[in-house]
């Protein structure tokens, strides 16, 4: 069951876009589906990157300045 204010908004939005409510909802669902697919792919890609240590064994942790060095971005 669709609330009346939601249905009204959908009718107005579809009319402004020159399409049907059915097509509008189909496009919105496709956009949502694609966004979720891209999000899942990005998460899988991130998780596939091997972890690497912050430091070499036997050495101290990097300083705050080393961790936040942005000289290469300037």
PDB file of N, CA and C in Angstrom:
ATOM      1  N   UNK A   1       0.848  -1.173   0.000  1.00  0.00           N
ATOM      2  CA  UNK A   1       0.000   0.000   0.000  1.00  0.00           C
ATOM      3  C   UNK A   1       0.893   1.236   0.000  1.00  0.00           C
ATOM      4  N   UNK A   2       0.635   2.135  -0.932  1.00  0.00           N
ATOM      5  CA  UNK A   2       1.407   3.366  -1.049  1.00  0.00           C
ATOM      6  C   UNK A   2       0.631   4.499  -0.389  1.00  0.00           C
ATOM      7  N   UNK A   3       1.315   5.247   0.457  1.00  0.00           N
ATOM      8  CA  UNK A   3       0.683   6.392   1.105  1.00  0.00           C
ATOM      9  C   UNK A   3       0.301   7.419   0.047  1.00  0.00           C
ATOM     10  N   UNK A   4      -0.786   8.111   0.280  1.00  0.00           N
ATOM     11  CA  UNK A   4      -1.321   9.046  -0.718  1.00  0.00           C
ATOM     12  C   UNK A   4      -0.337  10.148  -1.072  1.00  0.00           C
ATOM     13  N   UNK A   5       0.372  10.700  -0.082  1.00  0.00           N
ATOM     14  CA  UNK A   5       1.323  11.771  -0.393  1.00  0.00           C
ATOM     15  C   UNK A   5       2.490  11.265  -1.236  1.00  0.00           C
ATOM     16  N   UNK A   6       2.880  10.022  -1.037  1.00  0.00           N
ATOM     17  CA  UNK A   6       3.948   9.427  -1.837  1.00  0.00           C
ATOM     18  C   UNK A   6       3.451   9.202  -3.268  1.00  0.00           C
ATOM     19  N   UNK A   7       2.242   8.686  -3.411  1.00  0.00           N
ATOM     20  CA  UNK A   7       1.666   8.463  -4.736  1.00  0.00           C
ATOM     21  C   UNK A   7       1.505   9.779  -5.484  1.00  0.00           C
ATOM     22  N   UNK A   8       1.074  10.818  -4.779  1.00  0.00           N
ATOM     23  CA  UNK A   8       0.913  12.133  -5.405  1.00  0.00           C
ATOM     24  C   UNK A   8       2.260  12.648  -5.898  1.00  0.00           C
ATOM     25  N   UNK A   9       3.287  12.536  -5.057  1.00  0.00           N
ATOM     26  CA  UNK A   9       4.622  12.975  -5.461  1.00  0.00           C
ATOM     27  C   UNK A   9       5.081  12.215  -6.700  1.00  0.00           C
ATOM     28  N   UNK A  10       4.861  10.904  -6.726  1.00  0.00           N
ATOM     29  CA  UNK A  10       5.285  10.085  -7.868  1.00  0.00           C
ATOM     30  C   UNK A  10       4.562  10.510  -9.147  1.00  0.00           C
ATOM     31  N   UNK A  11       3.273  10.801  -9.055  1.00  0.00           N
ATOM     32  CA  UNK A  11       2.522  11.241 -10.233  1.00  0.00           C
ATOM     33  C   UNK A  11       3.053  12.576 -10.752  1.00  0.00           C
ATOM     34  N   UNK A  12       3.304  13.512  -9.845  1.00  0.00           N
ATOM     35  CA  UNK A  12       3.822  14.827 -10.239  1.00  0.00           C
ATOM     36  C   UNK A  12       5.217  14.684 -10.844  1.00  0.00           C
ATOM     37  N   UNK A  13       6.067  13.922 -10.184  1.00  0.00           N
ATOM     38  CA  UNK A  13       7.447  13.725 -10.670  1.00  0.00           C
ATOM     39  C   UNK A  13       7.450  13.081 -12.045  1.00  0.00           C
ATOM     40  N   UNK A  14       6.627  12.061 -12.233  1.00  0.00           N
ATOM     41  CA  UNK A  14       6.541  11.390 -13.537  1.00  0.00           C
ATOM     42  C   UNK A  14       6.053  12.362 -14.602  1.00  0.00           C
ATOM     43  N   UNK A  15       5.065  13.170 -14.275  1.00  0.00           N
ATOM     44  CA  UNK A  15       4.541  14.141 -15.234  1.00  0.00           C
ATOM     45  C   UNK A  15       5.612  15.164 -15.605  1.00  0.00           C
ATOM     46  N   UNK A  16       6.381  15.629 -14.633  1.00  0.00           N
ATOM     47  CA  UNK A  16       7.438  16.611 -14.904  1.00  0.00           C
ATOM     48  C   UNK A  16       8.526  16.018 -15.793  1.00  0.00           C
ATOM     49  N   UNK A  17       8.746  14.731 -15.663  1.00  0.00           N
ATOM     50  CA  UNK A  17       9.766  14.060 -16.480  1.00  0.00           C
ATOM     51  C   UNK A  17       9.202  13.542 -17.797  1.00  0.00           C
ATOM     52  N   UNK A  18       7.896  13.667 -17.962  1.00  0.00           N
ATOM     53  CA  UNK A  18       7.268  13.201 -19.194  1.00  0.00           C
ATOM     54  C   UNK A  18       7.270  11.695 -19.327  1.00  0.00           C
ATOM     55  N   UNK A  19       7.044  11.003 -18.237  1.00  0.00           N
ATOM     56  CA  UNK A  19       7.056   9.543 -18.247  1.00  0.00           C
ATOM     57  C   UNK A  19       5.908   9.031 -17.376  1.00  0.00           C
ATOM     58  N   UNK A  20       5.771   7.734 -17.332  1.00  0.00           N
ATOM     59  CA  UNK A  20       4.727   7.135 -16.488  1.00  0.00           C
ATOM     60  C   UNK A  20       5.278   6.875 -15.087  1.00  0.00           C
ATOM     61  N   UNK A  21       4.364   6.711 -14.150  1.00  0.00           N
ATOM     62  CA  UNK A  21       4.761   6.381 -12.777  1.00  0.00           C
ATOM     63  C   UNK A  21       5.495   5.046 -12.771  1.00  0.00           C
ATOM     64  N   UNK A  22       5.000   4.103 -13.552  1.00  0.00           N
ATOM     65  CA  UNK A  22       5.633   2.793 -13.610  1.00  0.00           C
ATOM     66  C   UNK A  22       7.077   2.890 -14.106  1.00  0.00           C
ATOM     67  N   UNK A  23       7.289   3.658 -15.177  1.00  0.00           N
ATOM     68  CA  UNK A  23       8.650   3.817 -15.714  1.00  0.00           C
ATOM     69  C   UNK A  23       9.526   4.574 -14.719  1.00  0.00           C
ATOM     70  N   UNK A  24       8.985   5.600 -14.085  1.00  0.00           N
ATOM     71  CA  UNK A  24       9.731   6.361 -13.086  1.00  0.00           C
ATOM     72  C   UNK A  24      10.203   5.446 -11.963  1.00  0.00           C
ATOM     73  N   UNK A  25       9.295   4.639 -11.437  1.00  0.00           N
ATOM     74  CA  UNK A  25       9.662   3.730 -10.348  1.00  0.00           C
ATOM     75  C   UNK A  25      10.672   2.688 -10.826  1.00  0.00           C
ATOM     76  N   UNK A  26      10.500   2.198 -12.049  1.00  0.00           N
ATOM     77  CA  UNK A  26      11.459   1.241 -12.595  1.00  0.00           C
ATOM     78  C   UNK A  26      12.855   1.841 -12.691  1.00  0.00           C
ATOM     79  N   UNK A  27      12.943   3.107 -13.155  1.00  0.00           N
ATOM     80  CA  UNK A  27      14.240   3.784 -13.248  1.00  0.00           C
ATOM     81  C   UNK A  27      14.850   3.991 -11.866  1.00  0.00           C
ATOM     82  N   UNK A  28      14.011   4.373 -10.899  1.00  0.00           N
ATOM     83  CA  UNK A  28      14.515   4.591  -9.544  1.00  0.00           C
ATOM     84  C   UNK A  28      15.028   3.288  -8.936  1.00  0.00           C
ATOM     85  N   UNK A  29      14.300   2.211  -9.166  1.00  0.00           N
ATOM     86  CA  UNK A  29      14.744   0.911  -8.644  1.00  0.00           C
ATOM     87  C   UNK A  29      16.033   0.462  -9.314  1.00  0.00           C
ATOM     88  N   UNK A  30      16.157   0.695 -10.635  1.00  0.00           N
ATOM     89  CA  UNK A  30      17.388   0.325 -11.341  1.00  0.00           C
ATOM     90  C   UNK A  30      18.567   1.121 -10.792  1.00  0.00           C
ATOM     91  N   UNK A  31      18.381   2.423 -10.575  1.00  0.00           N
ATOM     92  CA  UNK A  31      19.454   3.254 -10.016  1.00  0.00           C
ATOM     93  C   UNK A  31      19.879   2.738  -8.645  1.00  0.00           C
ATOM     94  N   UNK A  32      18.909   2.379  -7.826  1.00  0.00           N
ATOM     95  CA  UNK A  32      19.203   1.846  -6.485  1.00  0.00           C
ATOM     96  C   UNK A  32      19.958   0.524  -6.576  1.00  0.00           C
ATOM     97  N   UNK A  33      19.505  -0.344  -7.483  1.00  0.00           N
ATOM     98  CA  UNK A  33      20.155  -1.637  -7.671  1.00  0.00           C
ATOM     99  C   UNK A  33      21.610  -1.456  -8.116  1.00  0.00           C
ATOM    100  N   UNK A  34      21.835  -0.544  -9.079  1.00  0.00           N
ATOM    101  CA  UNK A  34      23.192  -0.301  -9.564  1.00  0.00           C
ATOM    102  C   UNK A  34      24.075   0.300  -8.474  1.00  0.00           C
ATOM    103  N   UNK A  35      23.523   1.200  -7.674  1.00  0.00           N
ATOM    104  CA  UNK A  35      24.301   1.797  -6.583  1.00  0.00           C
ATOM    105  C   UNK A  35      24.713   0.735  -5.575  1.00  0.00           C
ATOM    106  N   UNK A  36      23.805  -0.165  -5.241  1.00  0.00           N
ATOM    107  CA  UNK A  36      24.139  -1.237  -4.297  1.00  0.00           C
ATOM    108  C   UNK A  36      25.173  -2.189  -4.888  1.00  0.00           C
ATOM    109  N   UNK A  37      25.052  -2.473  -6.191  1.00  0.00           N
ATOM    110  CA  UNK A  37      26.032  -3.344  -6.849  1.00  0.00           C
ATOM    111  C   UNK A  37      27.413  -2.702  -6.809  1.00  0.00           C
ATOM    112  N   UNK A  38      27.498  -1.400  -7.144  1.00  0.00           N
ATOM    113  CA  UNK A  38      28.794  -0.710  -7.119  1.00  0.00           C
ATOM    114  C   UNK A  38      29.368  -0.676  -5.703  1.00  0.00           C
ATOM    115  N   UNK A  39      28.508  -0.473  -4.705  1.00  0.00           N
ATOM    116  CA  UNK A  39      28.960  -0.446  -3.311  1.00  0.00           C
ATOM    117  C   UNK A  39      29.538  -1.806  -2.914  1.00  0.00           C
ATOM    118  N   UNK A  40      28.842  -2.869  -3.274  1.00  0.00           N
ATOM    119  CA  UNK A  40      29.330  -4.212  -2.950  1.00  0.00           C
ATOM    120  C   UNK A  40      30.638  -4.511  -3.672  1.00  0.00           C
ATOM    121  N   UNK A  41      30.751  -4.094  -4.931  1.00  0.00           N
ATOM    122  CA  UNK A  41      31.998  -4.300  -5.671  1.00  0.00           C
ATOM    123  C   UNK A  41      33.150  -3.530  -5.037  1.00  0.00           C
ATOM    124  N   UNK A  42      32.890  -2.296  -4.616  1.00  0.00           N
ATOM    125  CA  UNK A  42      33.937  -1.500  -3.975  1.00  0.00           C
ATOM    126  C   UNK A  42      34.377  -2.143  -2.664  1.00  0.00           C
ATOM    127  N   UNK A  43      33.420  -2.650  -1.901  1.00  0.00           N
ATOM    128  CA  UNK A  43      33.765  -3.329  -0.651  1.00  0.00           C
ATOM    129  C   UNK A  43      34.589  -4.581  -0.893  1.00  0.00           C
ATOM    130  N   UNK A  44      34.209  -5.345  -1.915  1.00  0.00           N
ATOM    131  CA  UNK A  44      34.960  -6.557  -2.242  1.00  0.00           C
ATOM    132  C   UNK A  44      36.374  -6.207  -2.707  1.00  0.00           C
ATOM    133  N   UNK A  45      36.496  -5.137  -3.495  1.00  0.00           N
ATOM    134  CA  UNK A  45      37.818  -4.719  -3.959  1.00  0.00           C
ATOM    135  C   UNK A  45      38.680  -4.274  -2.787  1.00  0.00           C
ATOM    136  N   UNK A  46      38.102  -3.512  -1.875  1.00  0.00           N
ATOM    137  CA  UNK A  46      38.848  -3.061  -0.699  1.00  0.00           C
ATOM    138  C   UNK A  46      39.321  -4.250   0.125  1.00  0.00           C
ATOM    139  N   UNK A  47      38.432  -5.215   0.337  1.00  0.00           N
ATOM    140  CA  UNK A  47      38.785  -6.379   1.157  1.00  0.00           C
ATOM    141  C   UNK A  47      39.790  -7.287   0.468  1.00  0.00           C
ATOM    142  N   UNK A  48      39.936  -7.176  -0.838  1.00  0.00           N
ATOM    143  CA  UNK A  48      40.874  -8.037  -1.554  1.00  0.00           C
ATOM    144  C   UNK A  48      42.314  -7.523  -1.484  1.00  0.00           C
ATOM    145  N   UNK A  49      42.493  -6.287  -1.022  1.00  0.00           N
ATOM    146  CA  UNK A  49      43.834  -5.715  -0.911  1.00  0.00           C
ATOM    147  C   UNK A  49      44.498  -6.287   0.329  1.00  0.00           C
ATOM    148  N   UNK A  50      45.680  -6.816   0.132  1.00  0.00           N
ATOM    149  CA  UNK A  50      46.403  -7.427   1.250  1.00  0.00           C
ATOM    150  C   UNK A  50      46.802  -6.361   2.269  1.00  0.00           C
ATOM    151  N   UNK A  51      46.664  -6.707   3.541  1.00  0.00           N
ATOM    152  CA  UNK A  51      47.084  -5.802   4.608  1.00  0.00           C
ATOM    153  C   UNK A  51      48.597  -5.673   4.591  1.00  0.00           C
ATOM    154  N   UNK A  52      49.084  -4.510   4.925  1.00  0.00           N
ATOM    155  CA  UNK A  52      50.530  -4.315   4.995  1.00  0.00           C
ATOM    156  C   UNK A  52      50.867  -3.620   6.305  1.00  0.00           C
ATOM    157  N   UNK A  53      51.988  -3.935   6.864  1.00  0.00           N
ATOM    158  CA  UNK A  53      52.350  -3.350   8.153  1.00  0.00           C
ATOM    159  C   UNK A  53      52.690  -1.865   8.011  1.00  0.00           C
ATOM    160  N   UNK A  54      52.477  -1.111   9.083  1.00  0.00           N
ATOM    161  CA  UNK A  54      52.837   0.307   9.093  1.00  0.00           C
ATOM    162  C   UNK A  54      54.339   0.514   9.245  1.00  0.00           C
ATOM    163  N   UNK A  55      55.004  -0.505   9.705  1.00  0.00           N
ATOM    164  CA  UNK A  55      56.434  -0.349   9.970  1.00  0.00           C
ATOM    165  C   UNK A  55      57.161  -1.649   9.683  1.00  0.00           C
ATOM    166  N   UNK A  56      58.448  -1.540   9.553  1.00  0.00           N
ATOM    167  CA  UNK A  56      59.297  -2.717   9.379  1.00  0.00           C
ATOM    168  C   UNK A  56      59.499  -3.363  10.747  1.00  0.00           C
ATOM    169  N   UNK A  57      59.610  -4.672  10.796  1.00  0.00           N
ATOM    170  CA  UNK A  57      59.845  -5.331  12.088  1.00  0.00           C
ATOM    171  C   UNK A  57      61.085  -4.755  12.788  1.00  0.00           C
ATOM    172  N   UNK A  58      60.962  -4.524  14.074  1.00  0.00           N
ATOM    173  CA  UNK A  58      62.085  -4.015  14.862  1.00  0.00           C
ATOM    174  C   UNK A  58      62.216  -2.502  14.840  1.00  0.00           C
ATOM    175  N   UNK A  59      61.333  -1.804  14.143  1.00  0.00           N
ATOM    176  CA  UNK A  59      61.405  -0.340  14.123  1.00  0.00           C
ATOM    177  C   UNK A  59      60.189   0.229  14.851  1.00  0.00           C
ATOM    178  N   UNK A  60      60.265   1.488  15.208  1.00  0.00           N
ATOM    179  CA  UNK A  60      59.158   2.144  15.904  1.00  0.00           C
ATOM    180  C   UNK A  60      58.029   2.489  14.938  1.00  0.00           C
ATOM    181  N   UNK A  61      56.922   2.862  15.525  1.00  0.00           N
ATOM    182  CA  UNK A  61      55.792   3.293  14.704  1.00  0.00           C
ATOM    183  C   UNK A  61      56.115   4.627  14.042  1.00  0.00           C
ATOM    184  N   UNK A  62      55.511   4.925  12.905  1.00  0.00           N
ATOM    185  CA  UNK A  62      55.774   6.210  12.256  1.00  0.00           C
ATOM    186  C   UNK A  62      55.246   7.360  13.109  1.00  0.00           C
ATOM    187  N   UNK A  63      55.867   8.508  12.951  1.00  0.00           N
ATOM    188  CA  UNK A  63      55.418   9.691  13.696  1.00  0.00           C
ATOM    189  C   UNK A  63      54.119  10.209  13.079  1.00  0.00           C
ATOM    190  N   UNK A  64      53.467  11.080  13.813  1.00  0.00           N
ATOM    191  CA  UNK A  64      52.234  11.682  13.302  1.00  0.00           C
ATOM    192  C   UNK A  64      52.519  12.422  11.998  1.00  0.00           C
ATOM    193  N   UNK A  65      53.630  13.120  11.945  1.00  0.00           N
ATOM    194  CA  UNK A  65      53.987  13.873  10.747  1.00  0.00           C
ATOM    195  C   UNK A  65      54.183  12.937   9.547  1.00  0.00           C
ATOM    196  N   UNK A  66      54.800  11.796   9.782  1.00  0.00           N
ATOM    197  CA  UNK A  66      55.023  10.850   8.688  1.00  0.00           C
ATOM    198  C   UNK A  66      53.694  10.267   8.191  1.00  0.00           C
ATOM    199  N   UNK A  67      52.808   9.951   9.112  1.00  0.00           N
ATOM    200  CA  UNK A  67      51.534   9.370   8.745  1.00  0.00           C
ATOM    201  C   UNK A  67      50.690  10.365   7.986  1.00  0.00           C
ATOM    202  N   UNK A  68      50.737  11.625   8.399  1.00  0.00           N
ATOM    203  CA  UNK A  68      49.881  12.650   7.794  1.00  0.00           C
ATOM    204  C   UNK A  68      50.627  13.541   6.824  1.00  0.00           C
ATOM    205  N   UNK A  69      51.751  13.076   6.298  1.00  0.00           N
ATOM    206  CA  UNK A  69      52.534  13.865   5.334  1.00  0.00           C
ATOM    207  C   UNK A  69      51.720  14.085   4.071  1.00  0.00           C
ATOM    208  N   UNK A  70      51.479  15.327   3.743  1.00  0.00           N
ATOM    209  CA  UNK A  70      50.707  15.650   2.558  1.00  0.00           C
ATOM    210  C   UNK A  70      51.519  16.507   1.588  1.00  0.00           C
ATOM    211  N   UNK A  71      52.837  16.486   1.763  1.00  0.00           N
ATOM    212  CA  UNK A  71      53.685  17.310   0.905  1.00  0.00           C
ATOM    213  C   UNK A  71      53.496  16.938  -0.555  1.00  0.00           C
ATOM    214  N   UNK A  72      53.260  15.670  -0.832  1.00  0.00           N
ATOM    215  CA  UNK A  72      53.074  15.234  -2.208  1.00  0.00           C
ATOM    216  C   UNK A  72      51.773  15.717  -2.817  1.00  0.00           C
ATOM    217  N   UNK A  73      50.849  16.191  -1.980  1.00  0.00           N
ATOM    218  CA  UNK A  73      49.559  16.663  -2.475  1.00  0.00           C
ATOM    219  C   UNK A  73      49.555  18.164  -2.739  1.00  0.00           C
ATOM    220  N   UNK A  74      50.607  18.838  -2.336  1.00  0.00           N
ATOM    221  CA  UNK A  74      50.652  20.318  -2.497  1.00  0.00           C
ATOM    222  C   UNK A  74      51.193  20.710  -3.822  1.00  0.00           C
TER     223      UNK A  74
END
